[in-house]
Structure formats: structure tokens, C-alpha cells
Amino acid sequence: MRFNELRKVLESYGYEMHQPKGGSSHCTFRKEGCRPVTIPRHEPVKKIYVEMVKEVIEREVDTDDAE
């Protein structure tokens, strides 16, 4: 999966991307009330990060369903 595709998924759930300062290649996605998600900006994104975002989104959906 490409970084921009993963970014669009997170942004569609209300996360905002924060660019790194300095030489870091890691971007952090933040949303109020949620833990930040940090993903390296590499192509392609490693499977472990895709799985991590999947878990975050599943938690979001479960939380929305419970309300």
C-alpha cells in the first residue's frame, strides 16, 4: 500500500497529518481523544503499519457503533 493511500484512509476518519521537523521520515496522525499514529513515509508502507491502521479504524468503527 502506498503512503498517500493510507493517509487518505486516516484523514477520512478525522485524523490530521503532522509533518516531521528535521530529517525524520515519520509522519504522525492525530485526532482529538485518540492515540496518535506514527507511520514512516516510505514506499510501499510495510505491512505492519497497514495492520496497525486497520486496527485503529476497526476501533473507531466499534466506538461509533457503541454510541
PDB file of N, CA and C in Angstrom:
ATOM      1  N   MET A   1       0.848  -1.176   0.000  1.00  0.00           N
ATOM      2  CA  MET A   1       0.000   0.000   0.000  1.00  0.00           C
ATOM      3  C   MET A   1       0.892   1.238   0.000  1.00  0.00           C
ATOM      4  N   ARG A   2       0.461   2.257  -0.672  1.00  0.00           N
ATOM      5  CA  ARG A   2       1.230   3.491  -0.738  1.00  0.00           C
ATOM      6  C   ARG A   2       0.895   4.395   0.442  1.00  0.00           C
ATOM      7  N   PHE A   3       1.853   5.242   0.809  1.00  0.00           N
ATOM      8  CA  PHE A   3       1.692   6.132   1.951  1.00  0.00           C
ATOM      9  C   PHE A   3       0.468   7.031   1.773  1.00  0.00           C
ATOM     10  N   ASN A   4       0.308   7.609   0.580  1.00  0.00           N
ATOM     11  CA  ASN A   4      -0.818   8.535   0.350  1.00  0.00           C
ATOM     12  C   ASN A   4      -2.175   7.842   0.467  1.00  0.00           C
ATOM     13  N   GLU A   5      -2.249   6.577   0.120  1.00  0.00           N
ATOM     14  CA  GLU A   5      -3.497   5.831   0.271  1.00  0.00           C
ATOM     15  C   GLU A   5      -3.833   5.656   1.753  1.00  0.00           C
ATOM     16  N   LEU A   6      -2.823   5.314   2.534  1.00  0.00           N
ATOM     17  CA  LEU A   6      -3.012   5.149   3.968  1.00  0.00           C
ATOM     18  C   LEU A   6      -3.365   6.480   4.616  1.00  0.00           C
ATOM     19  N   ARG A   7      -2.731   7.538   4.146  1.00  0.00           N
ATOM     20  CA  ARG A   7      -3.026   8.890   4.650  1.00  0.00           C
ATOM     21  C   ARG A   7      -4.493   9.247   4.409  1.00  0.00           C
ATOM     22  N   LYS A   8      -4.992   8.964   3.211  1.00  0.00           N
ATOM     23  CA  LYS A   8      -6.384   9.279   2.876  1.00  0.00           C
ATOM     24  C   LYS A   8      -7.357   8.516   3.763  1.00  0.00           C
ATOM     25  N   VAL A   9      -7.036   7.274   4.082  1.00  0.00           N
ATOM     26  CA  VAL A   9      -7.899   6.483   4.961  1.00  0.00           C
ATOM     27  C   VAL A   9      -7.965   7.134   6.333  1.00  0.00           C
ATOM     28  N   LEU A  10      -6.800   7.463   6.909  1.00  0.00           N
ATOM     29  CA  LEU A  10      -6.779   8.076   8.235  1.00  0.00           C
ATOM     30  C   LEU A  10      -7.479   9.434   8.228  1.00  0.00           C
ATOM     31  N   GLU A  11      -7.248  10.227   7.198  1.00  0.00           N
ATOM     32  CA  GLU A  11      -7.884  11.549   7.125  1.00  0.00           C
ATOM     33  C   GLU A  11      -9.396  11.425   6.982  1.00  0.00           C
ATOM     34  N   SER A  12      -9.871  10.376   6.336  1.00  0.00           N
ATOM     35  CA  SER A  12     -11.316  10.191   6.193  1.00  0.00           C
ATOM     36  C   SER A  12     -11.981   9.886   7.541  1.00  0.00           C
ATOM     37  N   TYR A  13     -11.187   9.457   8.523  1.00  0.00           N
ATOM     38  CA  TYR A  13     -11.692   9.214   9.873  1.00  0.00           C
ATOM     39  C   TYR A  13     -11.367  10.366  10.818  1.00  0.00           C
ATOM     40  N   GLY A  14     -10.933  11.491  10.261  1.00  0.00           N
ATOM     41  CA  GLY A  14     -10.738  12.690  11.069  1.00  0.00           C
ATOM     42  C   GLY A  14      -9.341  12.910  11.604  1.00  0.00           C
ATOM     43  N   TYR A  15      -8.385  12.094  11.217  1.00  0.00           N
ATOM     44  CA  TYR A  15      -7.009  12.281  11.670  1.00  0.00           C
ATOM     45  C   TYR A  15      -6.342  13.366  10.828  1.00  0.00           C
ATOM     46  N   GLU A  16      -5.454  14.131  11.454  1.00  0.00           N
ATOM     47  CA  GLU A  16      -4.689  15.163  10.751  1.00  0.00           C
ATOM     48  C   GLU A  16      -3.227  14.760  10.733  1.00  0.00           C
ATOM     49  N   MET A  17      -2.602  14.918   9.566  1.00  0.00           N
ATOM     50  CA  MET A  17      -1.195  14.562   9.426  1.00  0.00           C
ATOM     51  C   MET A  17      -0.313  15.708   9.885  1.00  0.00           C
ATOM     52  N   HIS A  18       0.703  15.379  10.672  1.00  0.00           N
ATOM     53  CA  HIS A  18       1.690  16.352  11.121  1.00  0.00           C
ATOM     54  C   HIS A  18       3.045  15.926  10.574  1.00  0.00           C
ATOM     55  N   GLN A  19       3.626  16.796   9.762  1.00  0.00           N
ATOM     56  CA  GLN A  19       4.916  16.525   9.133  1.00  0.00           C
ATOM     57  C   GLN A  19       6.023  16.562  10.182  1.00  0.00           C
ATOM     58  N   PRO A  20       7.052  15.757   9.993  1.00  0.00           N
ATOM     59  CA  PRO A  20       8.168  15.776  10.940  1.00  0.00           C
ATOM     60  C   PRO A  20       8.993  17.047  10.789  1.00  0.00           C
ATOM     61  N   LYS A  21       9.642  17.420  11.871  1.00  0.00           N
ATOM     62  CA  LYS A  21      10.584  18.545  11.816  1.00  0.00           C
ATOM     63  C   LYS A  21      11.974  17.952  11.753  1.00  0.00           C
ATOM     64  N   GLY A  22      12.796  18.523  10.942  1.00  0.00           N
ATOM     65  CA  GLY A  22      14.150  17.994  10.809  1.00  0.00           C
ATOM     66  C   GLY A  22      14.210  16.903   9.765  1.00  0.00           C
ATOM     67  N   GLY A  23      15.064  15.923   9.996  1.00  0.00           N
ATOM     68  CA  GLY A  23      15.320  14.898   8.990  1.00  0.00           C
ATOM     69  C   GLY A  23      14.500  13.638   9.109  1.00  0.00           C
ATOM     70  N   SER A  24      13.524  13.594   9.991  1.00  0.00           N
ATOM     71  CA  SER A  24      12.740  12.373  10.182  1.00  0.00           C
ATOM     72  C   SER A  24      11.815  12.116   8.996  1.00  0.00           C
ATOM     73  N   SER A  25      11.620  10.836   8.703  1.00  0.00           N
ATOM     74  CA  SER A  25      10.704  10.461   7.617  1.00  0.00           C
ATOM     75  C   SER A  25       9.367   9.967   8.169  1.00  0.00           C
ATOM     76  N   HIS A  26       9.163  10.085   9.476  1.00  0.00           N
ATOM     77  CA  HIS A  26       7.937   9.601  10.108  1.00  0.00           C
ATOM     78  C   HIS A  26       6.909  10.722  10.243  1.00  0.00           C
ATOM     79  N   CYS A  27       5.684  10.436   9.841  1.00  0.00           N
ATOM     80  CA  CYS A  27       4.580  11.388   9.978  1.00  0.00           C
ATOM     81  C   CYS A  27       3.646  10.873  11.068  1.00  0.00           C
ATOM     82  N   THR A  28       3.127  11.796  11.847  1.00  0.00           N
ATOM     83  CA  THR A  28       2.207  11.441  12.922  1.00  0.00           C
ATOM     84  C   THR A  28       0.818  11.945  12.583  1.00  0.00           C
ATOM     85  N   PHE A  29      -0.156  11.065  12.753  1.00  0.00           N
ATOM     86  CA  PHE A  29      -1.553  11.401  12.517  1.00  0.00           C
ATOM     87  C   PHE A  29      -2.226  11.526  13.870  1.00  0.00           C
ATOM     88  N   ARG A  30      -2.890  12.659  14.078  1.00  0.00           N
ATOM     89  CA  ARG A  30      -3.516  12.927  15.369  1.00  0.00           C
ATOM     90  C   ARG A  30      -5.001  13.213  15.207  1.00  0.00           C
ATOM     91  N   LYS A  31      -5.742  12.782  16.233  1.00  0.00           N
ATOM     92  CA  LYS A  31      -7.168  13.057  16.312  1.00  0.00           C
ATOM     93  C   LYS A  31      -7.503  13.216  17.787  1.00  0.00           C
ATOM     94  N   GLU A  32      -8.273  14.241  18.094  1.00  0.00           N
ATOM     95  CA  GLU A  32      -8.614  14.510  19.485  1.00  0.00           C
ATOM     96  C   GLU A  32      -9.292  13.303  20.120  1.00  0.00           C
ATOM     97  N   GLY A  33      -8.809  12.934  21.302  1.00  0.00           N
ATOM     98  CA  GLY A  33      -9.385  11.812  22.031  1.00  0.00           C
ATOM     99  C   GLY A  33      -8.849  10.454  21.620  1.00  0.00           C
ATOM    100  N   CYS A  34      -7.920  10.418  20.669  1.00  0.00           N
ATOM    101  CA  CYS A  34      -7.361   9.152  20.187  1.00  0.00           C
ATOM    102  C   CYS A  34      -5.841   9.166  20.297  1.00  0.00           C
ATOM    103  N   ARG A  35      -5.276   7.986  20.373  1.00  0.00           N
ATOM    104  CA  ARG A  35      -3.821   7.895  20.410  1.00  0.00           C
ATOM    105  C   ARG A  35      -3.254   8.258  19.042  1.00  0.00           C
ATOM    106  N   PRO A  36      -2.111   8.960  19.012  1.00  0.00           N
ATOM    107  CA  PRO A  36      -1.507   9.289  17.724  1.00  0.00           C
ATOM    108  C   PRO A  36      -0.996   8.040  17.006  1.00  0.00           C
ATOM    109  N   VAL A  37      -0.984   8.110  15.690  1.00  0.00           N
ATOM    110  CA  VAL A  37      -0.498   7.020  14.845  1.00  0.00           C
ATOM    111  C   VAL A  37       0.695   7.551  14.067  1.00  0.00           C
ATOM    112  N   THR A  38       1.857   6.898  14.216  1.00  0.00           N
ATOM    113  CA  THR A  38       3.070   7.341  13.521  1.00  0.00           C
ATOM    114  C   THR A  38       3.438   6.319  12.458  1.00  0.00           C
ATOM    115  N   ILE A  39       3.644   6.828  11.234  1.00  0.00           N
ATOM    116  CA  ILE A  39       3.939   5.965  10.087  1.00  0.00           C
ATOM    117  C   ILE A  39       5.114   6.544   9.322  1.00  0.00           C
ATOM    118  N   PRO A  40       6.110   5.709   8.984  1.00  0.00           N
ATOM    119  CA  PRO A  40       7.213   6.203   8.164  1.00  0.00           C
ATOM    120  C   PRO A  40       6.738   6.450   6.731  1.00  0.00           C
ATOM    121  N   ARG A  41       7.256   7.497   6.141  1.00  0.00           N
ATOM    122  CA  ARG A  41       6.857   7.873   4.789  1.00  0.00           C
ATOM    123  C   ARG A  41       7.767   7.162   3.783  1.00  0.00           C
ATOM    124  N   HIS A  42       7.534   5.859   3.635  1.00  0.00           N
ATOM    125  CA  HIS A  42       8.300   5.044   2.699  1.00  0.00           C
ATOM    126  C   HIS A  42       7.341   4.413   1.716  1.00  0.00           C
ATOM    127  N   GLU A  43       7.834   4.045   0.560  1.00  0.00           N
ATOM    128  CA  GLU A  43       7.019   3.376  -0.459  1.00  0.00           C
ATOM    129  C   GLU A  43       7.595   2.002  -0.740  1.00  0.00           C
ATOM    130  N   PRO A  44       6.827   0.961  -0.681  1.00  0.00           N
ATOM    131  CA  PRO A  44       5.492   0.910  -0.106  1.00  0.00           C
ATOM    132  C   PRO A  44       5.579   0.896   1.422  1.00  0.00           C
ATOM    133  N   VAL A  45       4.444   1.172   2.066  1.00  0.00           N
ATOM    134  CA  VAL A  45       4.377   1.132   3.528  1.00  0.00           C
ATOM    135  C   VAL A  45       4.419  -0.333   3.948  1.00  0.00           C
ATOM    136  N   LYS A  46       5.214  -0.623   4.973  1.00  0.00           N
ATOM    137  CA  LYS A  46       5.325  -2.007   5.438  1.00  0.00           C
ATOM    138  C   LYS A  46       3.988  -2.501   5.985  1.00  0.00           C
ATOM    139  N   LYS A  47       3.795  -3.808   5.836  1.00  0.00           N
ATOM    140  CA  LYS A  47       2.547  -4.457   6.230  1.00  0.00           C
ATOM    141  C   LYS A  47       2.189  -4.186   7.694  1.00  0.00           C
ATOM    142  N   ILE A  48       3.165  -4.125   8.568  1.00  0.00           N
ATOM    143  CA  ILE A  48       2.908  -3.912   9.998  1.00  0.00           C
ATOM    144  C   ILE A  48       2.169  -2.593  10.233  1.00  0.00           C
ATOM    145  N   TYR A  49       2.502  -1.551   9.451  1.00  0.00           N
ATOM    146  CA  TYR A  49       1.837  -0.254   9.606  1.00  0.00           C
ATOM    147  C   TYR A  49       0.422  -0.288   9.031  1.00  0.00           C
ATOM    148  N   VAL A  50       0.235  -1.016   7.952  1.00  0.00           N
ATOM    149  CA  VAL A  50      -1.101  -1.167   7.369  1.00  0.00           C
ATOM    150  C   VAL A  50      -2.002  -1.887   8.374  1.00  0.00           C
ATOM    151  N   GLU A  51      -1.482  -2.933   9.012  1.00  0.00           N
ATOM    152  CA  GLU A  51      -2.240  -3.665  10.026  1.00  0.00           C
ATOM    153  C   GLU A  51      -2.569  -2.763  11.210  1.00  0.00           C
ATOM    154  N   MET A  52      -1.618  -1.923  11.610  1.00  0.00           N
ATOM    155  CA  MET A  52      -1.835  -1.014  12.724  1.00  0.00           C
ATOM    156  C   MET A  52      -2.971  -0.040  12.405  1.00  0.00           C
ATOM    157  N   VAL A  53      -2.979   0.516  11.208  1.00  0.00           N
ATOM    158  CA  VAL A  53      -4.044   1.445  10.804  1.00  0.00           C
ATOM    159  C   VAL A  53      -5.374   0.709  10.738  1.00  0.00           C
ATOM    160  N   LYS A  54      -5.359  -0.518  10.267  1.00  0.00           N
ATOM    161  CA  LYS A  54      -6.591  -1.325  10.214  1.00  0.00           C
ATOM    162  C   LYS A  54      -7.180  -1.480  11.611  1.00  0.00           C
ATOM    163  N   GLU A  55      -6.335  -1.769  12.605  1.00  0.00           N
ATOM    164  CA  GLU A  55      -6.805  -1.905  13.983  1.00  0.00           C
ATOM    165  C   GLU A  55      -7.370  -0.589  14.508  1.00  0.00           C
ATOM    166  N   VAL A  56      -6.724   0.523  14.191  1.00  0.00           N
ATOM    167  CA  VAL A  56      -7.198   1.836  14.623  1.00  0.00           C
ATOM    168  C   VAL A  56      -8.582   2.108  14.043  1.00  0.00           C
ATOM    169  N   ILE A  57      -8.751   1.833  12.766  1.00  0.00           N
ATOM    170  CA  ILE A  57     -10.031   2.081  12.094  1.00  0.00           C
ATOM    171  C   ILE A  57     -11.116   1.157  12.654  1.00  0.00           C
ATOM    172  N   GLU A  58     -10.774  -0.095  12.908  1.00  0.00           N
ATOM    173  CA  GLU A  58     -11.759  -1.019  13.479  1.00  0.00           C
ATOM    174  C   GLU A  58     -12.210  -0.539  14.850  1.00  0.00           C
ATOM    175  N   ARG A  59     -11.286  -0.003  15.648  1.00  0.00           N
ATOM    176  CA  ARG A  59     -11.643   0.558  16.956  1.00  0.00           C
ATOM    177  C   ARG A  59     -12.570   1.753  16.795  1.00  0.00           C
ATOM    178  N   GLU A  60     -12.284   2.585  15.785  1.00  0.00           N
ATOM    179  CA  GLU A  60     -13.123   3.754  15.506  1.00  0.00           C
ATOM    180  C   GLU A  60     -14.554   3.319  15.177  1.00  0.00           C
ATOM    181  N   VAL A  61     -14.671   2.307  14.335  1.00  0.00           N
ATOM    182  CA  VAL A  61     -15.988   1.825  13.915  1.00  0.00           C
ATOM    183  C   VAL A  61     -16.710   1.210  15.110  1.00  0.00           C
ATOM    184  N   ASP A  62     -16.008   0.426  15.934  1.00  0.00           N
ATOM    185  CA  ASP A  62     -16.621  -0.164  17.116  1.00  0.00           C
ATOM    186  C   ASP A  62     -17.096   0.894  18.093  1.00  0.00           C
ATOM    187  N   THR A  63     -16.318   1.963  18.258  1.00  0.00           N
ATOM    188  CA  THR A  63     -16.674   3.060  19.158  1.00  0.00           C
ATOM    189  C   THR A  63     -17.909   3.782  18.624  1.00  0.00           C
ATOM    190  N   ASP A  64     -17.945   4.014  17.319  1.00  0.00           N
ATOM    191  CA  ASP A  64     -19.102   4.691  16.707  1.00  0.00           C
ATOM    192  C   ASP A  64     -20.371   3.843  16.847  1.00  0.00           C
ATOM    193  N   ASP A  65     -20.236   2.531  16.703  1.00  0.00           N
ATOM    194  CA  ASP A  65     -21.385   1.635  16.817  1.00  0.00           C
ATOM    195  C   ASP A  65     -21.922   1.587  18.240  1.00  0.00           C
ATOM    196  N   ALA A  66     -21.032   1.729  19.228  1.00  0.00           N
ATOM    197  CA  ALA A  66     -21.428   1.646  20.635  1.00  0.00           C
ATOM    198  C   ALA A  66     -22.186   2.895  21.085  1.00  0.00           C
ATOM    199  N   GLU A  67     -21.987   3.997  20.396  1.00  0.00           N
ATOM    200  CA  GLU A  67     -22.617   5.259  20.802  1.00  0.00           C
ATOM    201  C   GLU A  67     -24.024   5.403  20.322  1.00  0.00           C
TER     202      GLU A  67
END
